[in-house]
Every structure is written in structure tokens, then in C-alpha cells.
Amino acid sequence: MVLVAGFLVFGVVVAIAAVIVVREAGRMTKEPPPVLFSMDEAYAFVVEHLPDIVAATLTPDDVRRILAFQWEYFRQTGVSANGSKEHPAAGLMSHAAVVGGNEEIDYILRRTAETGEEYLPEQVEAVVETQLEYLRVIGAMSTPAEAPTDAALEPAPDHSAVERPPDDD
């Protein structure tokens, strides 16, 4: 009798656990957890994946400095937040931030020059592009947006009035 009661209690506990696991899995499918950024992981990724020609010209401290200024740029332009506050509304920003664009590269070059370190734009661009690849890998950023082509902006041609040649049946 005690053995049957033990199996019954064990079965109830397993059933409750199964219900909780299934419920949480469904919730996570609908609302995946936010991506967590780790500066140390990003740094390790960038150092490992930086193109050899650039890696040969930068020290690990140089890479860390460039990444720190990139992250500073992200915070100042409203691209990132640590979860403690809302992201700035698009209407409140003076203009949209372009991640990986010339404005970001210029900002990093200016900030590093202010600290007494000078880098070539190609060096900074390589670090930034590798960092953006890391953000894509962890799911914090999607693939780059493509600018609309002129053809995409034009209305589709109206083929309803085009005469079709007769069938040769």
C-alpha cells in the first residue's frame, strides 16, 4: 500500500513538472528571452574573427578600445539599452542611427584621437564589421537592411492594355 502511494505521489509530481515545462516552453516560443550582450564574449569573438591583415596591426588593447567607443556610440544614439529604461522614441532622436555606417566610424576615430590613439579608418571599420557579425550571430541584430532601388520605388507597369499576339493553334 505504501509502495502504491509512493508511486502515485511520484506520478503527480512528474505530471506537475511536465505541465510547467510545457507551459514555459510555449511561452518562450511566443516571447523568446532577450538577447544578452557580453562585452567579454564580443571582444573574444572580434579578436578571433578579425581579418588577419587588420589583426596584425592592432593590439588586443586597441580592439578593446575601439569596441568600447562603438558601444558608447550605440548608447548615445539610442541603439542599445541595458533594460533599465525604455529605448528613445524614434521621433525624439534627431536622426536615425546607422549601425556600421560612416557616422559610427567617424565617431570612433574622433573619440580615439581624443584619447591619444590614432587608427586608420580601415582598422576601425574591420573591428566594427566583425562586432556587427557577432551581434548577428547572437541574434541581437538582423542582416543589414538593403536600400530600396529606384526600380522598387517606381509603380509596376500596367500590362492590361498591352495587345497580346494571337495563339498559333
Protein backbone atom coordinates (compact mmCIF):
# COMPACT_ATOMS: atom_id res chain seq x y z
CA MET A 1 0.00 0.00 0.00
CA VAL A 2 2.84 2.40 0.87
CA LEU A 3 4.54 1.50 -2.40
CA VAL A 4 1.40 2.34 -4.40
CA ALA A 5 1.03 5.69 -2.56
CA GLY A 6 4.70 6.46 -3.28
CA PHE A 7 4.25 5.78 -7.00
CA LEU A 8 1.09 7.87 -7.00
CA VAL A 9 2.85 10.86 -5.37
CA PHE A 10 5.80 10.46 -7.74
CA GLY A 11 3.41 10.40 -10.73
CA VAL A 12 1.65 13.56 -9.57
CA VAL A 13 4.97 15.38 -9.11
CA VAL A 14 6.16 14.33 -12.59
CA ALA A 15 2.82 15.39 -14.13
CA ILE A 16 3.02 18.83 -12.48
CA ALA A 17 6.61 19.26 -13.66
CA ALA A 18 5.64 18.25 -17.20
CA VAL A 19 2.80 20.79 -17.27
CA ILE A 20 5.11 23.58 -16.06
CA VAL A 21 7.83 22.69 -18.60
CA VAL A 22 5.35 22.57 -21.50
CA ARG A 23 3.76 25.88 -20.44
CA GLU A 24 7.14 27.65 -20.18
CA ALA A 25 8.33 26.21 -23.50
CA GLY A 26 5.19 27.57 -25.16
CA ARG A 27 5.69 30.97 -23.54
CA MET A 28 9.32 31.12 -24.65
CA THR A 29 8.31 30.20 -28.18
CA LYS A 30 5.92 33.15 -28.30
CA GLU A 31 8.25 35.54 -26.46
CA PRO A 32 11.89 34.48 -26.77
CA PRO A 33 14.12 35.75 -23.98
CA PRO A 34 16.01 38.94 -24.73
CA VAL A 35 19.49 38.58 -26.16
CA LEU A 36 22.14 39.35 -23.58
CA PHE A 37 25.26 41.08 -24.78
CA SER A 38 28.55 40.31 -23.10
CA MET A 39 31.41 42.70 -23.80
CA ASP A 40 33.91 39.95 -22.93
CA GLU A 41 32.31 37.49 -25.35
CA ALA A 42 32.12 40.16 -28.04
CA TYR A 43 35.77 41.03 -27.52
CA ALA A 44 36.82 37.36 -27.73
CA PHE A 45 34.75 36.90 -30.91
CA VAL A 46 36.20 40.00 -32.57
CA VAL A 47 39.80 39.09 -31.68
CA GLU A 48 39.26 35.57 -33.05
CA HIS A 49 37.47 36.60 -36.26
CA LEU A 50 39.23 39.85 -37.14
CA PRO A 51 40.79 39.69 -40.63
CA ASP A 52 44.48 38.75 -40.36
CA ILE A 53 45.72 41.88 -42.12
CA VAL A 54 43.98 44.08 -39.53
CA ALA A 55 44.75 41.81 -36.58
CA ALA A 56 48.44 42.16 -37.40
CA THR A 57 48.22 45.94 -36.98
CA LEU A 58 46.14 46.15 -33.78
CA THR A 59 46.92 45.07 -30.24
CA PRO A 60 44.23 43.44 -28.09
CA ASP A 61 44.01 46.74 -26.15
CA ASP A 62 43.37 48.58 -29.43
CA VAL A 63 40.50 46.23 -30.23
CA ARG A 64 39.03 46.64 -26.74
CA ARG A 65 39.28 50.45 -27.02
CA ILE A 66 37.54 50.53 -30.42
CA LEU A 67 34.78 48.24 -29.13
CA ALA A 68 34.29 50.43 -26.05
CA PHE A 69 33.84 53.52 -28.23
CA GLN A 70 31.49 51.61 -30.52
CA TRP A 71 29.37 50.67 -27.53
CA GLU A 72 29.48 54.29 -26.37
CA TYR A 73 28.18 55.30 -29.80
CA PHE A 74 25.37 52.74 -29.50
CA ARG A 75 24.30 54.16 -26.13
CA GLN A 76 24.43 57.78 -27.29
CA THR A 77 22.39 57.14 -30.41
CA GLY A 78 19.79 55.01 -28.64
CA VAL A 79 20.72 51.79 -30.41
CA SER A 80 21.15 49.94 -27.12
CA ALA A 81 19.90 49.98 -23.57
CA ASN A 82 20.57 47.80 -20.57
CA GLY A 83 16.91 47.08 -19.91
CA SER A 84 16.59 49.63 -17.10
CA LYS A 85 14.92 52.23 -19.30
CA GLU A 86 12.85 52.47 -22.43
CA HIS A 87 14.56 52.97 -25.78
CA PRO A 88 14.25 56.53 -27.01
CA ALA A 89 11.34 57.01 -29.35
CA ALA A 90 12.30 57.43 -32.97
CA GLY A 91 10.68 60.87 -33.05
CA LEU A 92 12.86 62.07 -30.19
CA MET A 93 16.12 61.31 -31.96
CA SER A 94 17.45 63.97 -34.29
CA HIS A 95 18.03 61.30 -36.93
CA ALA A 96 18.11 57.55 -37.27
CA ALA A 97 21.34 55.90 -36.18
CA VAL A 98 23.01 53.82 -38.84
CA VAL A 99 24.91 50.97 -37.29
CA GLY A 100 28.16 50.27 -39.10
CA GLY A 101 27.94 53.43 -41.20
CA ASN A 102 30.39 56.24 -41.79
CA GLU A 103 28.96 58.26 -38.90
CA GLU A 104 29.82 55.47 -36.47
CA ILE A 105 33.34 55.06 -37.89
CA ASP A 106 33.91 58.83 -37.72
CA TYR A 107 32.70 58.92 -34.12
CA ILE A 108 35.10 56.15 -33.09
CA LEU A 109 38.02 57.77 -34.94
CA ARG A 110 37.28 61.11 -33.26
CA ARG A 111 36.96 59.57 -29.78
CA THR A 112 40.15 57.51 -30.11
CA ALA A 113 42.05 60.58 -31.33
CA GLU A 114 40.80 62.45 -28.25
CA THR A 115 42.41 59.78 -26.06
CA GLY A 116 45.71 59.98 -27.93
CA GLU A 117 45.32 56.88 -30.10
CA GLU A 118 45.04 57.20 -33.86
CA TYR A 119 43.75 54.43 -36.09
CA LEU A 120 43.15 54.11 -39.78
CA PRO A 121 39.51 54.11 -40.87
CA GLU A 122 40.07 50.63 -42.37
CA GLN A 123 41.17 49.29 -38.97
CA VAL A 124 38.13 50.69 -37.19
CA GLU A 125 35.81 49.52 -39.95
CA ALA A 126 37.15 45.96 -39.73
CA VAL A 127 36.62 45.86 -35.94
CA VAL A 128 33.12 47.35 -36.30
CA GLU A 129 32.13 44.90 -39.05
CA THR A 130 33.42 41.95 -37.01
CA GLN A 131 31.50 43.21 -33.97
CA LEU A 132 28.33 43.52 -36.07
CA GLU A 133 28.83 39.93 -37.22
CA TYR A 134 28.97 38.90 -33.55
CA LEU A 135 25.69 40.73 -32.92
CA ARG A 136 24.12 38.85 -35.84
CA VAL A 137 25.43 35.52 -34.53
CA ILE A 138 23.88 36.01 -31.08
CA GLY A 139 20.62 37.25 -32.60
CA ALA A 140 20.89 40.82 -31.33
CA MET A 141 20.83 42.22 -34.85
CA SER A 142 19.42 41.07 -38.16
CA THR A 143 21.10 41.15 -41.52
CA PRO A 144 21.84 44.58 -42.98
CA ALA A 145 18.92 46.48 -44.42
CA GLU A 146 19.07 46.99 -48.14
CA ALA A 147 18.40 50.41 -49.58
CA PRO A 148 15.43 50.45 -51.95
CA THR A 149 16.41 50.53 -55.59
CA ASP A 150 14.97 53.08 -57.99
CA ALA A 151 13.07 50.28 -59.75
CA ALA A 152 11.43 49.28 -56.47
CA LEU A 153 10.15 52.83 -55.99
CA GLU A 154 8.54 53.03 -59.43
CA PRO A 155 4.96 51.78 -59.83
CA ALA A 156 4.55 48.46 -61.60
CA PRO A 157 3.86 48.84 -65.33
CA ASP A 158 0.24 48.40 -66.40
CA HIS A 159 0.15 45.42 -68.75
CA SER A 160 -3.64 45.35 -69.05
CA ALA A 161 -3.66 47.49 -72.21
CA VAL A 162 -0.88 45.57 -73.97
CA GLU A 163 -2.09 43.68 -77.01
CA ARG A 164 -1.13 40.05 -76.92
CA PRO A 165 -0.28 38.18 -80.14
CA PRO A 166 -2.88 35.60 -81.17
CA ASP A 167 -2.22 31.96 -80.32
CA ASP A 168 -0.91 29.89 -83.24
CA ASP A 169 -3.31 26.97 -82.68
